[in-house]
Amino acid sequence: MTTREVLVAVYDGLADWEIGYVTAGLNNPAFQRAPGTFRVRTVAETAGEVTTMGGLRVAPELTLDQADVQGAALLVLPGADSWLEGGHPGFADAATARLAAGGAVAAICGATVGLAGAGLLDDRDHTGNAPEQLAMAAGYAGQGRFRPDRAVLDRGLVTAGGASPLEFAREVFRVLDAYEPDVLEAWYQLYATGDPQWFGALMAAVGE
């Protein structure tokens, strides 16, 4: 089996909770269609430890110039206030190149503002924290493609607002084809509703 890398961008101030379901789900083979397919790796623009919004210290495994960005299964861009200040041009460029080549990118919260500024939301359905926030990005012309949904997947690009990490993960798993459809639905409903019946449905869906 070929292992495919999922690159998770890390930088000071990244919002920890926005990617928790994604990283935990991809690192847990229990419910996956083909366990062992994905390897999560952290990547930063430059070498050196970063500190998340929650105060966790992360030592990136790779820098952007070391990573096989084009060959990865997915590039995940968490939110951070620095995106609102025009930060992370390297990751915006990487997202641009991946989408142009038919690759997948997932951006949540402030990262959607960075992609808006790069013109990547102009011709794709997308969402974010609010249309007013995306409008802060110079050159953004995608107002007509904004959708008031918790997460949106369009042609390989997943977007979500910071209050929707669960829906963000669901669309990430969908774009990666990580779970069988009935498993994905049961997983989502379990965490979205907290109803124990969905745990039984999840176990049934994976044959346990």
N, C-alpha and C. Protein backbone atom coordinates (compact mmCIF):
# COMPACT_ATOMS: atom_id res chain seq x y z
N MET A 1 0.84 -1.21 0.00
CA MET A 1 0.00 0.00 0.00
C MET A 1 0.87 1.25 0.00
N THR A 2 0.54 2.19 -0.85
CA THR A 2 1.26 3.45 -0.90
C THR A 2 0.73 4.40 0.16
N THR A 3 1.62 4.92 0.99
CA THR A 3 1.23 5.89 2.00
C THR A 3 1.25 7.29 1.40
N ARG A 4 0.19 8.04 1.65
CA ARG A 4 0.08 9.39 1.11
C ARG A 4 0.16 10.40 2.25
N GLU A 5 0.93 11.46 2.03
CA GLU A 5 1.11 12.46 3.08
C GLU A 5 -0.02 13.49 3.07
N VAL A 6 -0.48 13.82 4.26
CA VAL A 6 -1.37 14.96 4.47
C VAL A 6 -0.54 16.00 5.19
N LEU A 7 -0.29 17.12 4.54
CA LEU A 7 0.56 18.17 5.10
C LEU A 7 -0.30 19.16 5.86
N VAL A 8 0.00 19.34 7.12
CA VAL A 8 -0.72 20.29 7.96
C VAL A 8 0.20 21.47 8.24
N ALA A 9 -0.19 22.65 7.78
CA ALA A 9 0.60 23.85 7.98
C ALA A 9 0.58 24.25 9.45
N VAL A 10 1.74 24.65 9.96
CA VAL A 10 1.82 25.12 11.35
C VAL A 10 2.54 26.45 11.37
N TYR A 11 2.06 27.32 12.24
CA TYR A 11 2.64 28.64 12.40
C TYR A 11 2.18 29.18 13.74
N ASP A 12 2.89 30.17 14.25
CA ASP A 12 2.52 30.75 15.54
C ASP A 12 1.07 31.21 15.51
N GLY A 13 0.35 30.88 16.57
CA GLY A 13 -1.03 31.35 16.71
C GLY A 13 -2.06 30.52 15.99
N LEU A 14 -1.68 29.35 15.43
CA LEU A 14 -2.70 28.55 14.74
C LEU A 14 -3.75 28.09 15.73
N ALA A 15 -4.98 28.04 15.28
CA ALA A 15 -6.12 27.68 16.13
C ALA A 15 -6.19 26.15 16.26
N ASP A 16 -5.77 25.65 17.40
CA ASP A 16 -5.63 24.22 17.63
C ASP A 16 -6.90 23.42 17.31
N TRP A 17 -8.03 23.92 17.79
CA TRP A 17 -9.28 23.16 17.73
C TRP A 17 -9.79 22.98 16.30
N GLU A 18 -9.33 23.80 15.39
CA GLU A 18 -9.88 23.77 14.04
C GLU A 18 -9.43 22.54 13.24
N ILE A 19 -8.33 21.93 13.65
CA ILE A 19 -7.82 20.78 12.89
C ILE A 19 -7.80 19.50 13.72
N GLY A 20 -8.32 19.55 14.94
CA GLY A 20 -8.24 18.39 15.84
C GLY A 20 -8.95 17.16 15.31
N TYR A 21 -10.14 17.33 14.78
CA TYR A 21 -10.87 16.18 14.23
C TYR A 21 -10.15 15.61 13.00
N VAL A 22 -9.56 16.49 12.21
CA VAL A 22 -8.86 16.05 11.00
C VAL A 22 -7.66 15.19 11.37
N THR A 23 -6.79 15.72 12.22
CA THR A 23 -5.55 15.00 12.53
C THR A 23 -5.84 13.72 13.30
N ALA A 24 -6.77 13.78 14.26
CA ALA A 24 -7.09 12.58 15.03
C ALA A 24 -7.71 11.51 14.14
N GLY A 25 -8.60 11.92 13.25
CA GLY A 25 -9.26 10.96 12.38
C GLY A 25 -8.30 10.29 11.42
N LEU A 26 -7.37 11.07 10.86
CA LEU A 26 -6.44 10.50 9.89
C LEU A 26 -5.36 9.64 10.56
N ASN A 27 -5.07 9.95 11.82
CA ASN A 27 -4.07 9.15 12.54
C ASN A 27 -4.66 7.94 13.24
N ASN A 28 -5.99 7.81 13.22
CA ASN A 28 -6.67 6.67 13.83
C ASN A 28 -7.19 5.76 12.71
N PRO A 29 -6.61 4.60 12.52
CA PRO A 29 -7.02 3.74 11.41
C PRO A 29 -8.35 3.02 11.63
N ALA A 30 -8.94 3.15 12.82
CA ALA A 30 -10.06 2.30 13.20
C ALA A 30 -11.20 2.29 12.19
N PHE A 31 -11.59 3.43 11.67
CA PHE A 31 -12.77 3.50 10.82
C PHE A 31 -12.45 3.74 9.34
N GLN A 32 -11.19 3.78 9.00
CA GLN A 32 -10.81 4.16 7.65
C GLN A 32 -11.09 3.05 6.63
N ARG A 33 -11.35 3.49 5.42
CA ARG A 33 -11.58 2.56 4.31
C ARG A 33 -10.34 1.69 4.07
N ALA A 34 -9.16 2.29 4.10
CA ALA A 34 -7.90 1.57 3.88
C ALA A 34 -6.90 2.05 4.93
N PRO A 35 -6.92 1.46 6.13
CA PRO A 35 -6.03 1.91 7.20
C PRO A 35 -4.58 1.93 6.77
N GLY A 36 -3.88 2.99 7.19
CA GLY A 36 -2.48 3.13 6.85
C GLY A 36 -2.23 3.91 5.57
N THR A 37 -3.30 4.39 4.94
CA THR A 37 -3.13 5.13 3.68
C THR A 37 -2.49 6.48 3.91
N PHE A 38 -2.84 7.14 5.03
CA PHE A 38 -2.44 8.54 5.21
C PHE A 38 -1.43 8.70 6.34
N ARG A 39 -0.50 9.60 6.11
CA ARG A 39 0.48 9.99 7.13
C ARG A 39 0.42 11.50 7.29
N VAL A 40 0.09 11.96 8.47
CA VAL A 40 0.01 13.39 8.75
C VAL A 40 1.40 13.91 9.09
N ARG A 41 1.80 14.99 8.42
CA ARG A 41 3.08 15.61 8.70
C ARG A 41 2.89 17.12 8.83
N THR A 42 3.60 17.71 9.77
CA THR A 42 3.52 19.16 9.97
C THR A 42 4.58 19.85 9.14
N VAL A 43 4.20 20.98 8.57
CA VAL A 43 5.11 21.73 7.70
C VAL A 43 5.00 23.21 8.02
N ALA A 44 6.14 23.88 8.07
CA ALA A 44 6.20 25.31 8.37
C ALA A 44 6.94 26.04 7.26
N GLU A 45 6.75 27.34 7.23
CA GLU A 45 7.44 28.14 6.21
C GLU A 45 8.95 28.18 6.47
N THR A 46 9.33 28.19 7.74
CA THR A 46 10.74 28.20 8.11
C THR A 46 10.94 27.25 9.28
N ALA A 47 12.16 26.85 9.50
CA ALA A 47 12.47 25.93 10.59
C ALA A 47 12.30 26.66 11.93
N GLY A 48 12.03 25.88 12.96
CA GLY A 48 11.88 26.46 14.29
C GLY A 48 10.54 26.14 14.89
N GLU A 49 10.52 25.99 16.19
CA GLU A 49 9.30 25.66 16.92
C GLU A 49 8.26 26.76 16.81
N VAL A 50 7.00 26.36 16.72
CA VAL A 50 5.90 27.34 16.72
C VAL A 50 5.03 27.10 17.94
N THR A 51 4.29 28.11 18.32
CA THR A 51 3.39 28.02 19.47
C THR A 51 1.97 28.28 19.01
N THR A 52 1.09 27.34 19.28
CA THR A 52 -0.29 27.46 18.84
C THR A 52 -1.06 28.46 19.69
N MET A 53 -2.27 28.78 19.28
CA MET A 53 -3.12 29.68 20.03
C MET A 53 -3.38 29.14 21.44
N GLY A 54 -3.44 27.82 21.54
CA GLY A 54 -3.67 27.18 22.84
C GLY A 54 -2.41 27.01 23.66
N GLY A 55 -1.29 27.51 23.18
CA GLY A 55 -0.06 27.45 23.95
C GLY A 55 0.75 26.18 23.78
N LEU A 56 0.36 25.31 22.83
CA LEU A 56 1.12 24.09 22.58
C LEU A 56 2.32 24.42 21.68
N ARG A 57 3.43 23.80 21.99
CA ARG A 57 4.64 24.01 21.19
C ARG A 57 4.77 22.86 20.20
N VAL A 58 4.96 23.22 18.94
CA VAL A 58 5.05 22.23 17.87
C VAL A 58 6.37 22.41 17.14
N ALA A 59 7.11 21.31 17.01
CA ALA A 59 8.33 21.31 16.23
C ALA A 59 8.01 20.76 14.85
N PRO A 60 7.94 21.59 13.82
CA PRO A 60 7.55 21.11 12.49
C PRO A 60 8.48 20.02 11.98
N GLU A 61 7.91 19.06 11.29
CA GLU A 61 8.71 17.98 10.70
C GLU A 61 9.43 18.43 9.44
N LEU A 62 8.81 19.37 8.72
CA LEU A 62 9.34 19.80 7.43
C LEU A 62 9.20 21.31 7.29
N THR A 63 10.01 21.88 6.41
CA THR A 63 9.76 23.24 5.95
C THR A 63 9.18 23.13 4.55
N LEU A 64 8.59 24.21 4.09
CA LEU A 64 7.94 24.18 2.78
C LEU A 64 8.89 23.76 1.66
N ASP A 65 10.15 24.19 1.75
CA ASP A 65 11.08 23.84 0.68
C ASP A 65 11.53 22.38 0.75
N GLN A 66 11.25 21.70 1.88
CA GLN A 66 11.58 20.28 2.02
C GLN A 66 10.41 19.37 1.66
N ALA A 67 9.20 19.90 1.75
CA ALA A 67 8.00 19.09 1.60
C ALA A 67 7.67 18.84 0.12
N ASP A 68 7.10 17.67 -0.12
CA ASP A 68 6.58 17.36 -1.46
C ASP A 68 5.14 17.86 -1.52
N VAL A 69 5.01 19.16 -1.66
CA VAL A 69 3.68 19.78 -1.60
C VAL A 69 2.79 19.29 -2.74
N GLN A 70 3.33 19.18 -3.91
CA GLN A 70 2.52 18.76 -5.05
C GLN A 70 2.16 17.28 -4.99
N GLY A 71 3.02 16.48 -4.39
CA GLY A 71 2.77 15.05 -4.34
C GLY A 71 1.91 14.61 -3.17
N ALA A 72 1.61 15.52 -2.25
CA ALA A 72 0.82 15.18 -1.07
C ALA A 72 -0.64 14.94 -1.44
N ALA A 73 -1.32 14.21 -0.57
CA ALA A 73 -2.75 13.97 -0.78
C ALA A 73 -3.57 15.22 -0.49
N LEU A 74 -3.10 16.05 0.44
CA LEU A 74 -3.87 17.22 0.87
C LEU A 74 -2.95 18.19 1.58
N LEU A 75 -3.24 19.48 1.43
CA LEU A 75 -2.61 20.54 2.21
C LEU A 75 -3.68 21.15 3.09
N VAL A 76 -3.46 21.12 4.41
CA VAL A 76 -4.43 21.63 5.38
C VAL A 76 -3.90 22.94 5.96
N LEU A 77 -4.73 23.99 5.89
CA LEU A 77 -4.35 25.32 6.36
C LEU A 77 -5.25 25.74 7.51
N PRO A 78 -4.77 25.64 8.76
CA PRO A 78 -5.57 26.09 9.90
C PRO A 78 -5.67 27.62 9.93
N GLY A 79 -6.62 28.09 10.70
CA GLY A 79 -6.75 29.52 10.88
C GLY A 79 -5.72 30.07 11.85
N ALA A 80 -5.47 31.37 11.74
CA ALA A 80 -4.60 32.11 12.65
C ALA A 80 -4.82 33.58 12.34
N ASP A 81 -4.67 34.43 13.36
CA ASP A 81 -4.87 35.86 13.13
C ASP A 81 -3.88 36.41 12.10
N SER A 82 -2.73 35.76 12.00
CA SER A 82 -1.70 36.25 11.07
C SER A 82 -2.16 36.22 9.62
N TRP A 83 -3.11 35.33 9.28
CA TRP A 83 -3.66 35.33 7.91
C TRP A 83 -4.35 36.67 7.61
N LEU A 84 -4.96 37.26 8.63
CA LEU A 84 -5.70 38.51 8.41
C LEU A 84 -4.75 39.68 8.18
N GLU A 85 -3.50 39.47 8.50
CA GLU A 85 -2.49 40.52 8.35
C GLU A 85 -1.62 40.30 7.13
N GLY A 86 -2.07 39.41 6.24
CA GLY A 86 -1.32 39.15 5.02
C GLY A 86 -0.19 38.17 5.18
N GLY A 87 -0.20 37.40 6.27
CA GLY A 87 0.86 36.44 6.51
C GLY A 87 0.74 35.19 5.67
N HIS A 88 1.79 34.39 5.67
CA HIS A 88 1.87 33.06 5.05
C HIS A 88 1.73 33.06 3.53
N PRO A 89 2.44 33.95 2.85
CA PRO A 89 2.38 33.93 1.38
C PRO A 89 2.89 32.62 0.79
N GLY A 90 3.82 31.99 1.49
CA GLY A 90 4.33 30.72 0.99
C GLY A 90 3.25 29.65 0.93
N PHE A 91 2.41 29.61 1.93
CA PHE A 91 1.32 28.63 1.93
C PHE A 91 0.24 29.02 0.92
N ALA A 92 -0.01 30.32 0.76
CA ALA A 92 -0.98 30.75 -0.26
C ALA A 92 -0.48 30.35 -1.65
N ASP A 93 0.81 30.50 -1.89
CA ASP A 93 1.38 30.11 -3.19
C ASP A 93 1.28 28.59 -3.37
N ALA A 94 1.54 27.84 -2.30
CA ALA A 94 1.45 26.38 -2.39
C ALA A 94 0.03 25.94 -2.70
N ALA A 95 -0.95 26.59 -2.07
CA ALA A 95 -2.35 26.27 -2.34
C ALA A 95 -2.70 26.59 -3.78
N THR A 96 -2.22 27.72 -4.28
CA THR A 96 -2.48 28.11 -5.66
C THR A 96 -1.96 27.07 -6.64
N ALA A 97 -0.73 26.62 -6.41
CA ALA A 97 -0.12 25.64 -7.30
C ALA A 97 -0.84 24.31 -7.24
N ARG A 98 -1.23 23.89 -6.04
CA ARG A 98 -1.92 22.61 -5.89
C ARG A 98 -3.27 22.64 -6.60
N LEU A 99 -4.05 23.66 -6.38
CA LEU A 99 -5.37 23.73 -7.01
C LEU A 99 -5.25 23.82 -8.53
N ALA A 100 -4.26 24.55 -9.01
CA ALA A 100 -4.07 24.66 -10.46
C ALA A 100 -3.73 23.31 -11.08
N ALA A 101 -3.08 22.45 -10.29
CA ALA A 101 -2.68 21.13 -10.78
C ALA A 101 -3.72 20.05 -10.47
N GLY A 102 -4.88 20.45 -9.91
CA GLY A 102 -5.92 19.49 -9.59
C GLY A 102 -5.77 18.85 -8.23
N GLY A 103 -4.89 19.37 -7.37
CA GLY A 103 -4.72 18.84 -6.02
C GLY A 103 -5.76 19.38 -5.07
N ALA A 104 -5.75 18.85 -3.85
CA ALA A 104 -6.74 19.23 -2.84
C ALA A 104 -6.11 20.11 -1.77
N VAL A 105 -6.91 21.09 -1.30
CA VAL A 105 -6.51 22.02 -0.25
C VAL A 105 -7.69 22.17 0.69
N ALA A 106 -7.42 22.28 1.99
CA ALA A 106 -8.47 22.51 2.98
C ALA A 106 -8.07 23.70 3.84
N ALA A 107 -8.92 24.72 3.88
CA ALA A 107 -8.62 25.94 4.62
C ALA A 107 -9.79 26.28 5.53
N ILE A 108 -9.48 26.70 6.74
CA ILE A 108 -10.52 27.01 7.71
C ILE A 108 -10.23 28.36 8.37
N CYS A 109 -11.29 29.07 8.70
CA CYS A 109 -11.23 30.32 9.46
C CYS A 109 -10.33 31.34 8.76
N GLY A 110 -9.33 31.87 9.43
CA GLY A 110 -8.50 32.92 8.86
C GLY A 110 -7.79 32.52 7.59
N ALA A 111 -7.51 31.22 7.43
CA ALA A 111 -6.84 30.78 6.21
C ALA A 111 -7.68 31.04 4.97
N THR A 112 -9.01 31.05 5.13
CA THR A 112 -9.86 31.35 3.97
C THR A 112 -9.65 32.78 3.50
N VAL A 113 -9.31 33.67 4.43
CA VAL A 113 -9.04 35.06 4.06
C VAL A 113 -7.78 35.13 3.21
N GLY A 114 -6.76 34.35 3.61
CA GLY A 114 -5.55 34.31 2.82
C GLY A 114 -5.78 33.79 1.42
N LEU A 115 -6.63 32.76 1.30
CA LEU A 115 -6.93 32.22 -0.03
C LEU A 115 -7.79 33.19 -0.83
N ALA A 116 -8.66 33.93 -0.14
CA ALA A 116 -9.45 34.95 -0.84
C ALA A 116 -8.53 36.00 -1.44
N GLY A 117 -7.52 36.40 -0.68
CA GLY A 117 -6.58 37.39 -1.18
C GLY A 117 -5.75 36.89 -2.34
N ALA A 118 -5.59 35.57 -2.42
CA ALA A 118 -4.83 34.98 -3.53
C ALA A 118 -5.71 34.71 -4.75
N GLY A 119 -7.00 35.05 -4.66
CA GLY A 119 -7.91 34.87 -5.78
C GLY A 119 -8.45 33.46 -5.93
N LEU A 120 -8.23 32.60 -4.92
CA LEU A 120 -8.61 31.20 -5.06
C LEU A 120 -10.08 30.94 -4.77
N LEU A 121 -10.77 31.93 -4.23
CA LEU A 121 -12.20 31.75 -3.94
C LEU A 121 -13.09 32.43 -4.97
N ASP A 122 -12.49 33.08 -5.94
CA ASP A 122 -13.28 33.85 -6.91
C ASP A 122 -14.15 32.97 -7.80
N ASP A 123 -13.68 31.76 -8.11
CA ASP A 123 -14.43 30.93 -9.04
C ASP A 123 -14.82 29.57 -8.45
N ARG A 124 -14.83 29.49 -7.11
CA ARG A 124 -15.26 28.28 -6.43
C ARG A 124 -16.28 28.62 -5.36
N ASP A 125 -17.27 27.75 -5.19
CA ASP A 125 -18.16 27.89 -4.03
C ASP A 125 -17.31 27.73 -2.78
N HIS A 126 -17.60 28.53 -1.76
CA HIS A 126 -16.79 28.52 -0.56
C HIS A 126 -17.56 29.12 0.60
N THR A 127 -16.99 28.96 1.78
CA THR A 127 -17.53 29.60 2.96
C THR A 127 -16.36 30.09 3.81
N GLY A 128 -16.67 30.59 5.00
CA GLY A 128 -15.65 31.11 5.91
C GLY A 128 -16.36 31.61 7.14
N ASN A 129 -15.69 32.44 7.92
CA ASN A 129 -16.34 32.96 9.13
C ASN A 129 -17.52 33.86 8.79
N ALA A 130 -17.35 34.69 7.78
CA ALA A 130 -18.40 35.61 7.35
C ALA A 130 -17.97 36.26 6.05
N PRO A 131 -18.92 36.61 5.17
CA PRO A 131 -18.53 37.26 3.92
C PRO A 131 -17.84 38.60 4.17
N GLU A 132 -18.22 39.26 5.26
CA GLU A 132 -17.60 40.56 5.56
C GLU A 132 -16.11 40.40 5.86
N GLN A 133 -15.75 39.28 6.49
CA GLN A 133 -14.33 39.07 6.78
C GLN A 133 -13.56 38.77 5.49
N LEU A 134 -14.13 37.94 4.62
CA LEU A 134 -13.46 37.65 3.36
C LEU A 134 -13.29 38.92 2.53
N ALA A 135 -14.23 39.83 2.64
CA ALA A 135 -14.17 41.07 1.88
C ALA A 135 -12.99 41.95 2.30
N MET A 136 -12.40 41.62 3.47
CA MET A 136 -11.22 42.36 3.93
C MET A 136 -10.01 42.06 3.06
N ALA A 137 -10.04 40.95 2.35
CA ALA A 137 -8.90 40.56 1.52
C ALA A 137 -8.88 41.38 0.25
N ALA A 138 -7.78 42.05 0.01
CA ALA A 138 -7.66 42.89 -1.18
C ALA A 138 -7.79 42.04 -2.44
N GLY A 139 -8.65 42.48 -3.35
CA GLY A 139 -8.80 41.79 -4.61
C GLY A 139 -9.81 40.66 -4.62
N TYR A 140 -10.40 40.35 -3.47
CA TYR A 140 -11.40 39.27 -3.41
C TYR A 140 -12.59 39.62 -4.29
N ALA A 141 -12.94 38.71 -5.19
CA ALA A 141 -14.06 38.95 -6.11
C ALA A 141 -15.01 37.76 -6.13
N GLY A 142 -15.04 37.02 -5.03
CA GLY A 142 -15.87 35.81 -5.01
C GLY A 142 -17.14 35.94 -4.21
N GLN A 143 -17.61 37.16 -3.99
CA GLN A 143 -18.78 37.35 -3.15
C GLN A 143 -19.98 36.52 -3.60
N GLY A 144 -20.14 36.39 -4.90
CA GLY A 144 -21.28 35.64 -5.42
C GLY A 144 -21.17 34.14 -5.24
N ARG A 145 -19.98 33.65 -4.85
CA ARG A 145 -19.80 32.22 -4.66
C ARG A 145 -19.79 31.83 -3.18
N PHE A 146 -19.98 32.82 -2.29
CA PHE A 146 -20.02 32.52 -0.86
C PHE A 146 -21.29 31.75 -0.51
N ARG A 147 -21.16 30.71 0.31
CA ARG A 147 -22.29 29.91 0.74
C ARG A 147 -22.40 29.95 2.27
N PRO A 148 -23.59 30.20 2.81
CA PRO A 148 -23.75 30.27 4.27
C PRO A 148 -23.86 28.88 4.89
N ASP A 149 -22.89 28.04 4.59
CA ASP A 149 -22.87 26.67 5.09
C ASP A 149 -21.69 26.51 6.05
N ARG A 150 -21.73 25.46 6.85
CA ARG A 150 -20.67 25.25 7.83
C ARG A 150 -19.37 24.83 7.16
N ALA A 151 -19.45 24.09 6.08
CA ALA A 151 -18.27 23.71 5.31
C ALA A 151 -18.71 23.49 3.87
N VAL A 152 -17.80 23.77 2.94
CA VAL A 152 -18.11 23.66 1.52
C VAL A 152 -16.93 22.95 0.84
N LEU A 153 -17.26 22.04 -0.05
CA LEU A 153 -16.26 21.37 -0.89
C LEU A 153 -16.58 21.67 -2.34
N ASP A 154 -15.64 22.25 -3.05
CA ASP A 154 -15.84 22.53 -4.47
C ASP A 154 -14.52 22.33 -5.20
N ARG A 155 -14.50 21.35 -6.09
CA ARG A 155 -13.35 21.09 -6.96
C ARG A 155 -12.04 21.02 -6.19
N GLY A 156 -12.05 20.22 -5.16
CA GLY A 156 -10.83 19.96 -4.41
C GLY A 156 -10.51 20.94 -3.31
N LEU A 157 -11.30 22.00 -3.17
CA LEU A 157 -11.06 22.99 -2.11
C LEU A 157 -12.13 22.88 -1.03
N VAL A 158 -11.69 22.60 0.19
CA VAL A 158 -12.58 22.58 1.35
C VAL A 158 -12.40 23.89 2.10
N THR A 159 -13.51 24.54 2.43
CA THR A 159 -13.46 25.75 3.26
C THR A 159 -14.46 25.62 4.39
N ALA A 160 -14.18 26.30 5.50
CA ALA A 160 -15.08 26.27 6.65
C ALA A 160 -14.78 27.47 7.54
N GLY A 161 -15.75 27.81 8.38
CA GLY A 161 -15.54 28.82 9.40
C GLY A 161 -14.94 28.19 10.64
N GLY A 162 -14.37 29.01 11.50
CA GLY A 162 -13.69 28.51 12.68
C GLY A 162 -14.60 27.82 13.68
N ALA A 163 -15.89 28.04 13.60
CA ALA A 163 -16.84 27.39 14.51
C ALA A 163 -17.30 26.04 13.98
N SER A 164 -16.71 25.57 12.90
CA SER A 164 -17.18 24.33 12.26
C SER A 164 -16.06 23.31 12.03
N PRO A 165 -15.27 23.02 13.06
CA PRO A 165 -14.19 22.05 12.84
C PRO A 165 -14.69 20.66 12.51
N LEU A 166 -15.86 20.28 13.03
CA LEU A 166 -16.40 18.95 12.75
C LEU A 166 -16.80 18.82 11.28
N GLU A 167 -17.50 19.81 10.78
CA GLU A 167 -17.92 19.79 9.37
C GLU A 167 -16.71 19.91 8.45
N PHE A 168 -15.71 20.67 8.89
CA PHE A 168 -14.46 20.78 8.14
C PHE A 168 -13.84 19.40 7.98
N ALA A 169 -13.76 18.65 9.08
CA ALA A 169 -13.19 17.30 9.03
C ALA A 169 -14.00 16.39 8.14
N ARG A 170 -15.32 16.49 8.21
CA ARG A 170 -16.16 15.63 7.37
C ARG A 170 -15.84 15.83 5.89
N GLU A 171 -15.69 17.09 5.48
CA GLU A 171 -15.40 17.35 4.07
C GLU A 171 -13.97 16.95 3.71
N VAL A 172 -13.06 17.08 4.65
CA VAL A 172 -11.69 16.60 4.41
C VAL A 172 -11.71 15.09 4.19
N PHE A 173 -12.41 14.36 5.06
CA PHE A 173 -12.49 12.91 4.90
C PHE A 173 -13.18 12.55 3.59
N ARG A 174 -14.13 13.38 3.19
CA ARG A 174 -14.84 13.11 1.94
C ARG A 174 -13.90 13.31 0.73
N VAL A 175 -13.15 14.39 0.73
CA VAL A 175 -12.28 14.66 -0.42
C VAL A 175 -11.15 13.64 -0.50
N LEU A 176 -10.74 13.10 0.65
CA LEU A 176 -9.70 12.08 0.66
C LEU A 176 -10.26 10.68 0.45
N ASP A 177 -11.58 10.54 0.49
CA ASP A 177 -12.23 9.24 0.38
C ASP A 177 -11.70 8.32 1.48
N ALA A 178 -11.54 8.88 2.69
CA ALA A 178 -10.94 8.14 3.79
C ALA A 178 -11.89 7.11 4.40
N TYR A 179 -13.20 7.39 4.39
CA TYR A 179 -14.19 6.51 4.99
C TYR A 179 -15.22 6.08 3.96
N GLU A 180 -15.82 4.93 4.17
CA GLU A 180 -17.00 4.57 3.40
C GLU A 180 -18.11 5.57 3.72
N PRO A 181 -19.00 5.87 2.78
CA PRO A 181 -20.03 6.89 3.02
C PRO A 181 -20.87 6.66 4.27
N ASP A 182 -21.29 5.41 4.54
CA ASP A 182 -22.11 5.17 5.72
C ASP A 182 -21.31 5.32 7.01
N VAL A 183 -20.03 4.99 6.97
CA VAL A 183 -19.16 5.19 8.12
C VAL A 183 -18.98 6.69 8.39
N LEU A 184 -18.75 7.45 7.34
CA LEU A 184 -18.57 8.89 7.49
C LEU A 184 -19.82 9.53 8.08
N GLU A 185 -20.99 9.13 7.61
CA GLU A 185 -22.24 9.71 8.12
C GLU A 185 -22.43 9.36 9.59
N ALA A 186 -22.18 8.11 9.95
CA ALA A 186 -22.35 7.70 11.35
C ALA A 186 -21.34 8.42 12.24
N TRP A 187 -20.10 8.54 11.77
CA TRP A 187 -19.07 9.27 12.53
C TRP A 187 -19.51 10.71 12.76
N TYR A 188 -19.97 11.35 11.70
CA TYR A 188 -20.37 12.75 11.84
C TYR A 188 -21.55 12.90 12.79
N GLN A 189 -22.56 12.08 12.63
CA GLN A 189 -23.74 12.21 13.47
C GLN A 189 -23.42 11.94 14.95
N LEU A 190 -22.51 11.01 15.21
CA LEU A 190 -22.12 10.72 16.59
C LEU A 190 -21.56 11.96 17.26
N TYR A 191 -20.64 12.64 16.59
CA TYR A 191 -20.02 13.81 17.20
C TYR A 191 -20.90 15.05 17.12
N ALA A 192 -21.74 15.13 16.11
CA ALA A 192 -22.61 16.29 15.96
C ALA A 192 -23.76 16.26 16.96
N THR A 193 -24.28 15.07 17.25
CA THR A 193 -25.47 14.97 18.11
C THR A 193 -25.17 14.44 19.50
N GLY A 194 -24.11 13.67 19.63
CA GLY A 194 -23.82 13.04 20.92
C GLY A 194 -24.76 11.90 21.25
N ASP A 195 -25.59 11.51 20.31
CA ASP A 195 -26.57 10.45 20.53
C ASP A 195 -25.87 9.09 20.46
N PRO A 196 -25.93 8.29 21.53
CA PRO A 196 -25.24 6.99 21.55
C PRO A 196 -25.67 6.04 20.45
N GLN A 197 -26.87 6.22 19.92
CA GLN A 197 -27.30 5.30 18.86
C GLN A 197 -26.35 5.35 17.66
N TRP A 198 -25.71 6.52 17.46
CA TRP A 198 -24.81 6.66 16.33
C TRP A 198 -23.51 5.92 16.56
N PHE A 199 -23.16 5.71 17.84
CA PHE A 199 -21.98 4.89 18.10
C PHE A 199 -22.25 3.46 17.65
N GLY A 200 -23.45 2.96 17.96
CA GLY A 200 -23.84 1.63 17.49
C GLY A 200 -23.87 1.56 15.98
N ALA A 201 -24.37 2.63 15.36
CA ALA A 201 -24.42 2.65 13.90
C ALA A 201 -23.01 2.66 13.31
N LEU A 202 -22.10 3.37 13.97
CA LEU A 202 -20.72 3.43 13.51
C LEU A 202 -20.07 2.05 13.61
N MET A 203 -20.29 1.37 14.74
CA MET A 203 -19.73 0.04 14.92
C MET A 203 -20.30 -0.94 13.87
N ALA A 204 -21.59 -0.79 13.63
CA ALA A 204 -22.23 -1.67 12.63
C ALA A 204 -21.67 -1.40 11.24
N ALA A 205 -21.42 -0.12 10.95
CA ALA A 205 -20.95 0.25 9.61
C ALA A 205 -19.56 -0.30 9.33
N VAL A 206 -18.74 -0.46 10.38
CA VAL A 206 -17.39 -1.00 10.18
C VAL A 206 -17.33 -2.49 10.52
N GLY A 207 -18.51 -3.08 10.78
CA GLY A 207 -18.58 -4.52 10.99
C GLY A 207 -18.11 -4.99 12.33
N GLU A 208 -18.29 -4.18 13.37
CA GLU A 208 -17.88 -4.58 14.72
C GLU A 208 -19.10 -4.68 15.64
